[in-house]
């Protein structure tokens, strides 16, 4: 079973592309969604967060105190790195557990992660796909989706590697623009991965 990583800058449309792969019957692991779940479910991670950032990291009902944590990590690069050092290994553990549950007959699976290259998890994949979209398109998508300002989106973008840096690490590129068909690009890669897994 091949492990395919897929990533792209914020607003690039990687989740949309993953949905296309899912319609082809490919199992997809959404690392960012899982990260939110394990912040309250993975006991090792929860204890690590409390030890590093204090008991105020969680509310009395056990849910994550997002505003408290965000107030710490998004103002301090070192603190953000500390949080990532706790979260990334927990996501790796969750991914390994998920893969074990996928039937052995499945030719390939996809791991979708915003920080695929930044976290180093691309090294655990056999191939890696980068989704690229025009900067203005990404800005507009995120502003519309999250109801945030352009400055806020640019601040998030600044925390990720640039597309140019990611391209050096990617094996395949999907262009999410108005001219190249996503269906055709995904279909080509799907066939390639099926042939490679045989």
C-alpha atoms as a PDB file:
ATOM      1  CA  UNK A   1       0.000   0.000   0.000  1.00  0.00           C
ATOM      2  CA  UNK A   2       1.428   3.319  -1.096  1.00  0.00           C
ATOM      3  CA  UNK A   3       1.267   6.299   1.249  1.00  0.00           C
ATOM      4  CA  UNK A   4       0.680   9.555  -0.602  1.00  0.00           C
ATOM      5  CA  UNK A   5       1.072  12.897   1.142  1.00  0.00           C
ATOM      6  CA  UNK A   6      -0.841  15.939  -0.069  1.00  0.00           C
ATOM      7  CA  UNK A   7      -0.354  19.521   1.034  1.00  0.00           C
ATOM      8  CA  UNK A   8      -0.697  23.098  -0.117  1.00  0.00           C
ATOM      9  CA  UNK A   9      -0.742  26.589   1.292  1.00  0.00           C
ATOM     10  CA  UNK A  10      -3.800  27.846   3.158  1.00  0.00           C
ATOM     11  CA  UNK A  11      -6.658  28.325   0.683  1.00  0.00           C
ATOM     12  CA  UNK A  12      -4.997  26.258  -2.060  1.00  0.00           C
ATOM     13  CA  UNK A  13      -7.936  23.843  -2.212  1.00  0.00           C
ATOM     14  CA  UNK A  14      -6.200  20.665  -1.013  1.00  0.00           C
ATOM     15  CA  UNK A  15      -9.302  19.474   0.865  1.00  0.00           C
ATOM     16  CA  UNK A  16     -11.413  19.829  -2.294  1.00  0.00           C
ATOM     17  CA  UNK A  17      -8.858  17.748  -4.191  1.00  0.00           C
ATOM     18  CA  UNK A  18      -8.895  15.108  -1.443  1.00  0.00           C
ATOM     19  CA  UNK A  19     -12.680  14.869  -1.849  1.00  0.00           C
ATOM     20  CA  UNK A  20     -12.110  14.066  -5.540  1.00  0.00           C
ATOM     21  CA  UNK A  21      -9.717  11.265  -4.558  1.00  0.00           C
ATOM     22  CA  UNK A  22     -12.338  10.009  -2.086  1.00  0.00           C
ATOM     23  CA  UNK A  23     -14.934   9.750  -4.870  1.00  0.00           C
ATOM     24  CA  UNK A  24     -12.453   7.383  -6.570  1.00  0.00           C
ATOM     25  CA  UNK A  25     -12.529   5.196  -3.444  1.00  0.00           C
ATOM     26  CA  UNK A  26      -9.220   6.352  -1.969  1.00  0.00           C
ATOM     27  CA  UNK A  27      -9.130   6.538   1.868  1.00  0.00           C
ATOM     28  CA  UNK A  28      -7.972   9.972   3.081  1.00  0.00           C
ATOM     29  CA  UNK A  29      -6.483  10.813   6.485  1.00  0.00           C
ATOM     30  CA  UNK A  30      -7.122  14.473   7.331  1.00  0.00           C
ATOM     31  CA  UNK A  31      -4.232  15.275   9.678  1.00  0.00           C
ATOM     32  CA  UNK A  32      -5.447  18.745  10.667  1.00  0.00           C
ATOM     33  CA  UNK A  33      -8.919  17.483  11.605  1.00  0.00           C
ATOM     34  CA  UNK A  34      -7.398  14.597  13.568  1.00  0.00           C
ATOM     35  CA  UNK A  35      -5.011  17.000  15.339  1.00  0.00           C
ATOM     36  CA  UNK A  36      -8.004  18.879  16.760  1.00  0.00           C
ATOM     37  CA  UNK A  37      -9.548  15.616  17.999  1.00  0.00           C
ATOM     38  CA  UNK A  38      -6.416  14.226  19.624  1.00  0.00           C
ATOM     39  CA  UNK A  39      -5.768  17.502  21.457  1.00  0.00           C
ATOM     40  CA  UNK A  40      -8.455  16.218  23.843  1.00  0.00           C
ATOM     41  CA  UNK A  41      -8.282  12.441  23.246  1.00  0.00           C
ATOM     42  CA  UNK A  42      -4.576  11.501  23.222  1.00  0.00           C
ATOM     43  CA  UNK A  43      -3.582  11.238  26.894  1.00  0.00           C
ATOM     44  CA  UNK A  44       0.149  11.629  26.206  1.00  0.00           C
ATOM     45  CA  UNK A  45      -0.511  14.793  24.205  1.00  0.00           C
ATOM     46  CA  UNK A  46      -2.963  16.257  26.743  1.00  0.00           C
ATOM     47  CA  UNK A  47      -0.470  15.749  29.569  1.00  0.00           C
ATOM     48  CA  UNK A  48       2.309  17.246  27.469  1.00  0.00           C
ATOM     49  CA  UNK A  49       0.215  20.360  26.743  1.00  0.00           C
ATOM     50  CA  UNK A  50      -0.636  20.783  30.430  1.00  0.00           C
ATOM     51  CA  UNK A  51       2.987  20.297  31.484  1.00  0.00           C
ATOM     52  CA  UNK A  52       4.208  22.834  28.905  1.00  0.00           C
ATOM     53  CA  UNK A  53       1.497  25.496  28.923  1.00  0.00           C
ATOM     54  CA  UNK A  54      -0.284  24.983  32.258  1.00  0.00           C
ATOM     55  CA  UNK A  55      -3.614  23.576  33.432  1.00  0.00           C
ATOM     56  CA  UNK A  56      -5.464  26.578  31.929  1.00  0.00           C
ATOM     57  CA  UNK A  57      -4.866  24.934  28.517  1.00  0.00           C
ATOM     58  CA  UNK A  58      -8.063  22.942  29.125  1.00  0.00           C
ATOM     59  CA  UNK A  59     -11.450  24.045  30.380  1.00  0.00           C
ATOM     60  CA  UNK A  60     -13.213  22.329  33.285  1.00  0.00           C
ATOM     61  CA  UNK A  61     -15.217  20.131  30.887  1.00  0.00           C
ATOM     62  CA  UNK A  62     -11.996  18.808  29.297  1.00  0.00           C
ATOM     63  CA  UNK A  63     -12.238  20.782  26.065  1.00  0.00           C
ATOM     64  CA  UNK A  64      -9.259  22.706  24.740  1.00  0.00           C
ATOM     65  CA  UNK A  65      -9.009  26.344  25.827  1.00  0.00           C
ATOM     66  CA  UNK A  66      -8.313  27.601  22.313  1.00  0.00           C
ATOM     67  CA  UNK A  67      -8.187  31.304  23.127  1.00  0.00           C
ATOM     68  CA  UNK A  68      -5.732  30.718  25.990  1.00  0.00           C
ATOM     69  CA  UNK A  69      -3.382  28.565  23.887  1.00  0.00           C
ATOM     70  CA  UNK A  70      -3.655  30.805  20.823  1.00  0.00           C
ATOM     71  CA  UNK A  71      -2.763  33.791  22.987  1.00  0.00           C
ATOM     72  CA  UNK A  72       0.492  32.058  23.905  1.00  0.00           C
ATOM     73  CA  UNK A  73       1.648  30.319  20.742  1.00  0.00           C
ATOM     74  CA  UNK A  74       0.702  32.806  18.038  1.00  0.00           C
ATOM     75  CA  UNK A  75       2.658  35.603  19.693  1.00  0.00           C
ATOM     76  CA  UNK A  76       5.788  33.532  20.271  1.00  0.00           C
ATOM     77  CA  UNK A  77       7.512  31.414  17.624  1.00  0.00           C
ATOM     78  CA  UNK A  78       9.331  29.325  20.245  1.00  0.00           C
ATOM     79  CA  UNK A  79       6.091  28.507  22.047  1.00  0.00           C
ATOM     80  CA  UNK A  80       4.450  27.564  18.730  1.00  0.00           C
ATOM     81  CA  UNK A  81       7.402  25.266  17.989  1.00  0.00           C
ATOM     82  CA  UNK A  82       6.964  23.691  21.437  1.00  0.00           C
ATOM     83  CA  UNK A  83       3.293  22.992  20.726  1.00  0.00           C
ATOM     84  CA  UNK A  84       4.114  21.519  17.313  1.00  0.00           C
ATOM     85  CA  UNK A  85       6.728  19.258  18.913  1.00  0.00           C
ATOM     86  CA  UNK A  86       3.936  17.825  21.059  1.00  0.00           C
ATOM     87  CA  UNK A  87       1.233  17.638  18.400  1.00  0.00           C
ATOM     88  CA  UNK A  88       3.143  16.246  15.399  1.00  0.00           C
ATOM     89  CA  UNK A  89       4.236  12.954  17.072  1.00  0.00           C
ATOM     90  CA  UNK A  90       0.651  12.447  18.301  1.00  0.00           C
ATOM     91  CA  UNK A  91      -0.664  12.906  14.753  1.00  0.00           C
ATOM     92  CA  UNK A  92       1.969  10.437  13.506  1.00  0.00           C
ATOM     93  CA  UNK A  93       0.700   7.901  16.084  1.00  0.00           C
ATOM     94  CA  UNK A  94      -2.894   8.479  15.003  1.00  0.00           C
ATOM     95  CA  UNK A  95      -1.929   8.062  11.334  1.00  0.00           C
ATOM     96  CA  UNK A  96      -0.120   4.777  12.028  1.00  0.00           C
ATOM     97  CA  UNK A  97      -3.189   3.462  13.888  1.00  0.00           C
ATOM     98  CA  UNK A  98      -5.477   4.572  11.057  1.00  0.00           C
ATOM     99  CA  UNK A  99      -3.315   2.896   8.385  1.00  0.00           C
ATOM    100  CA  UNK A 100      -3.489  -0.420  10.252  1.00  0.00           C
ATOM    101  CA  UNK A 101      -7.287  -0.348   9.947  1.00  0.00           C
ATOM    102  CA  UNK A 102      -7.247   0.183   6.166  1.00  0.00           C
ATOM    103  CA  UNK A 103      -7.831  -3.117   4.279  1.00  0.00           C
ATOM    104  CA  UNK A 104      -4.601  -4.538   2.817  1.00  0.00           C
ATOM    105  CA  UNK A 105      -6.288  -4.704  -0.605  1.00  0.00           C
ATOM    106  CA  UNK A 106      -6.367  -0.893  -0.860  1.00  0.00           C
ATOM    107  CA  UNK A 107      -3.652   0.133  -3.379  1.00  0.00           C
ATOM    108  CA  UNK A 108      -2.908   3.521  -1.839  1.00  0.00           C
ATOM    109  CA  UNK A 109      -4.018   5.982   0.828  1.00  0.00           C
ATOM    110  CA  UNK A 110      -3.661   9.749   1.159  1.00  0.00           C
ATOM    111  CA  UNK A 111      -2.492  11.817   4.117  1.00  0.00           C
ATOM    112  CA  UNK A 112      -3.658  15.419   3.873  1.00  0.00           C
ATOM    113  CA  UNK A 113      -1.688  17.837   6.051  1.00  0.00           C
ATOM    114  CA  UNK A 114      -1.158  21.606   5.941  1.00  0.00           C
ATOM    115  CA  UNK A 115       2.312  21.198   7.483  1.00  0.00           C
ATOM    116  CA  UNK A 116       3.331  18.027   5.630  1.00  0.00           C
ATOM    117  CA  UNK A 117       6.780  19.384   4.782  1.00  0.00           C
ATOM    118  CA  UNK A 118       7.216  21.579   7.860  1.00  0.00           C
ATOM    119  CA  UNK A 119       6.491  18.656  10.231  1.00  0.00           C
ATOM    120  CA  UNK A 120       8.759  16.224   8.375  1.00  0.00           C
ATOM    121  CA  UNK A 121       5.886  13.771   7.859  1.00  0.00           C
ATOM    122  CA  UNK A 122       6.440  13.869   4.092  1.00  0.00           C
ATOM    123  CA  UNK A 123       9.402  11.540   4.741  1.00  0.00           C
ATOM    124  CA  UNK A 124       6.936   8.865   5.858  1.00  0.00           C
ATOM    125  CA  UNK A 125       5.121   9.003   2.513  1.00  0.00           C
ATOM    126  CA  UNK A 126       6.106   7.252  -0.725  1.00  0.00           C
ATOM    127  CA  UNK A 127       5.061  10.218  -2.883  1.00  0.00           C
ATOM    128  CA  UNK A 128       4.021  13.782  -2.082  1.00  0.00           C
ATOM    129  CA  UNK A 129       1.624  16.071  -3.926  1.00  0.00           C
ATOM    130  CA  UNK A 130       1.685  19.856  -3.700  1.00  0.00           C
ATOM    131  CA  UNK A 131      -1.473  21.837  -4.547  1.00  0.00           C
ATOM    132  CA  UNK A 132      -0.728  25.272  -5.966  1.00  0.00           C
ATOM    133  CA  UNK A 133      -3.122  28.175  -6.453  1.00  0.00           C
ATOM    134  CA  UNK A 134      -2.586  31.860  -7.202  1.00  0.00           C
ATOM    135  CA  UNK A 135      -1.947  33.989  -4.115  1.00  0.00           C
ATOM    136  CA  UNK A 136      -4.925  36.272  -4.752  1.00  0.00           C
ATOM    137  CA  UNK A 137      -7.183  33.233  -5.169  1.00  0.00           C
ATOM    138  CA  UNK A 138      -5.961  31.762  -1.867  1.00  0.00           C
ATOM    139  CA  UNK A 139      -6.414  35.070  -0.050  1.00  0.00           C
ATOM    140  CA  UNK A 140      -9.973  35.491  -1.340  1.00  0.00           C
ATOM    141  CA  UNK A 141     -10.936  31.887  -0.522  1.00  0.00           C
ATOM    142  CA  UNK A 142      -9.770  32.106   3.083  1.00  0.00           C
ATOM    143  CA  UNK A 143     -11.225  35.587   3.632  1.00  0.00           C
ATOM    144  CA  UNK A 144     -14.616  34.361   2.373  1.00  0.00           C
ATOM    145  CA  UNK A 145     -14.431  31.036   4.231  1.00  0.00           C
ATOM    146  CA  UNK A 146     -13.212  32.253   7.626  1.00  0.00           C
ATOM    147  CA  UNK A 147     -14.491  35.826   7.640  1.00  0.00           C
ATOM    148  CA  UNK A 148     -11.001  37.229   8.282  1.00  0.00           C
ATOM    149  CA  UNK A 149      -8.992  40.136   6.889  1.00  0.00           C
ATOM    150  CA  UNK A 150      -6.273  39.940   4.247  1.00  0.00           C
ATOM    151  CA  UNK A 151      -3.687  40.805   6.914  1.00  0.00           C
ATOM    152  CA  UNK A 152      -4.825  37.875   9.065  1.00  0.00           C
ATOM    153  CA  UNK A 153      -4.590  35.477   6.121  1.00  0.00           C
ATOM    154  CA  UNK A 154      -1.123  36.755   5.213  1.00  0.00           C
ATOM    155  CA  UNK A 155      -0.025  36.237   8.837  1.00  0.00           C
ATOM    156  CA  UNK A 156      -1.103  32.584   8.593  1.00  0.00           C
ATOM    157  CA  UNK A 157       0.632  32.192   5.229  1.00  0.00           C
ATOM    158  CA  UNK A 158       3.857  33.530   6.729  1.00  0.00           C
ATOM    159  CA  UNK A 159       3.950  30.565   9.138  1.00  0.00           C
ATOM    160  CA  UNK A 160       4.110  28.081   6.235  1.00  0.00           C
ATOM    161  CA  UNK A 161       6.856  27.373   3.727  1.00  0.00           C
ATOM    162  CA  UNK A 162       6.406  29.162   0.406  1.00  0.00           C
ATOM    163  CA  UNK A 163       5.186  27.229  -2.647  1.00  0.00           C
ATOM    164  CA  UNK A 164       8.679  27.637  -4.149  1.00  0.00           C
ATOM    165  CA  UNK A 165      10.248  25.908  -1.138  1.00  0.00           C
ATOM    166  CA  UNK A 166       7.593  23.177  -1.123  1.00  0.00           C
ATOM    167  CA  UNK A 167       8.080  22.498  -4.832  1.00  0.00           C
ATOM    168  CA  UNK A 168      11.642  21.355  -4.119  1.00  0.00           C
ATOM    169  CA  UNK A 169      10.247  18.613  -1.865  1.00  0.00           C
ATOM    170  CA  UNK A 170       7.147  17.616  -3.870  1.00  0.00           C
ATOM    171  CA  UNK A 171       6.993  14.712  -6.336  1.00  0.00           C
ATOM    172  CA  UNK A 172       3.808  15.897  -8.063  1.00  0.00           C
ATOM    173  CA  UNK A 173       1.998  19.217  -8.455  1.00  0.00           C
ATOM    174  CA  UNK A 174      -1.714  19.867  -8.933  1.00  0.00           C
ATOM    175  CA  UNK A 175      -2.555  23.316 -10.251  1.00  0.00           C
ATOM    176  CA  UNK A 176      -5.834  24.522  -8.763  1.00  0.00           C
ATOM    177  CA  UNK A 177      -6.630  27.355 -11.139  1.00  0.00           C
ATOM    178  CA  UNK A 178      -9.221  28.291 -13.698  1.00  0.00           C
ATOM    179  CA  UNK A 179      -7.432  26.693 -16.663  1.00  0.00           C
ATOM    180  CA  UNK A 180      -6.237  23.208 -15.622  1.00  0.00           C
ATOM    181  CA  UNK A 181      -8.939  20.612 -14.946  1.00  0.00           C
ATOM    182  CA  UNK A 182      -8.709  19.206 -11.413  1.00  0.00           C
ATOM    183  CA  UNK A 183     -10.539  16.027 -12.454  1.00  0.00           C
ATOM    184  CA  UNK A 184      -8.015  15.307 -15.221  1.00  0.00           C
ATOM    185  CA  UNK A 185      -5.015  16.022 -12.978  1.00  0.00           C
ATOM    186  CA  UNK A 186      -6.367  13.830 -10.167  1.00  0.00           C
ATOM    187  CA  UNK A 187      -7.325  11.041 -12.595  1.00  0.00           C
ATOM    188  CA  UNK A 188      -3.800  10.960 -14.041  1.00  0.00           C
ATOM    189  CA  UNK A 189      -2.223  10.696 -10.585  1.00  0.00           C
ATOM    190  CA  UNK A 190      -4.800   8.099  -9.523  1.00  0.00           C
ATOM    191  CA  UNK A 191      -3.851   5.896 -12.479  1.00  0.00           C
ATOM    192  CA  UNK A 192      -0.144   6.433 -11.812  1.00  0.00           C
ATOM    193  CA  UNK A 193      -0.505   5.399  -8.162  1.00  0.00           C
ATOM    194  CA  UNK A 194      -2.599   2.352  -9.091  1.00  0.00           C
ATOM    195  CA  UNK A 195       0.071   1.260 -11.601  1.00  0.00           C
ATOM    196  CA  UNK A 196       2.892   1.923  -9.100  1.00  0.00           C
ATOM    197  CA  UNK A 197       1.216  -0.073  -6.324  1.00  0.00           C
ATOM    198  CA  UNK A 198       0.831  -3.247  -8.453  1.00  0.00           C
END
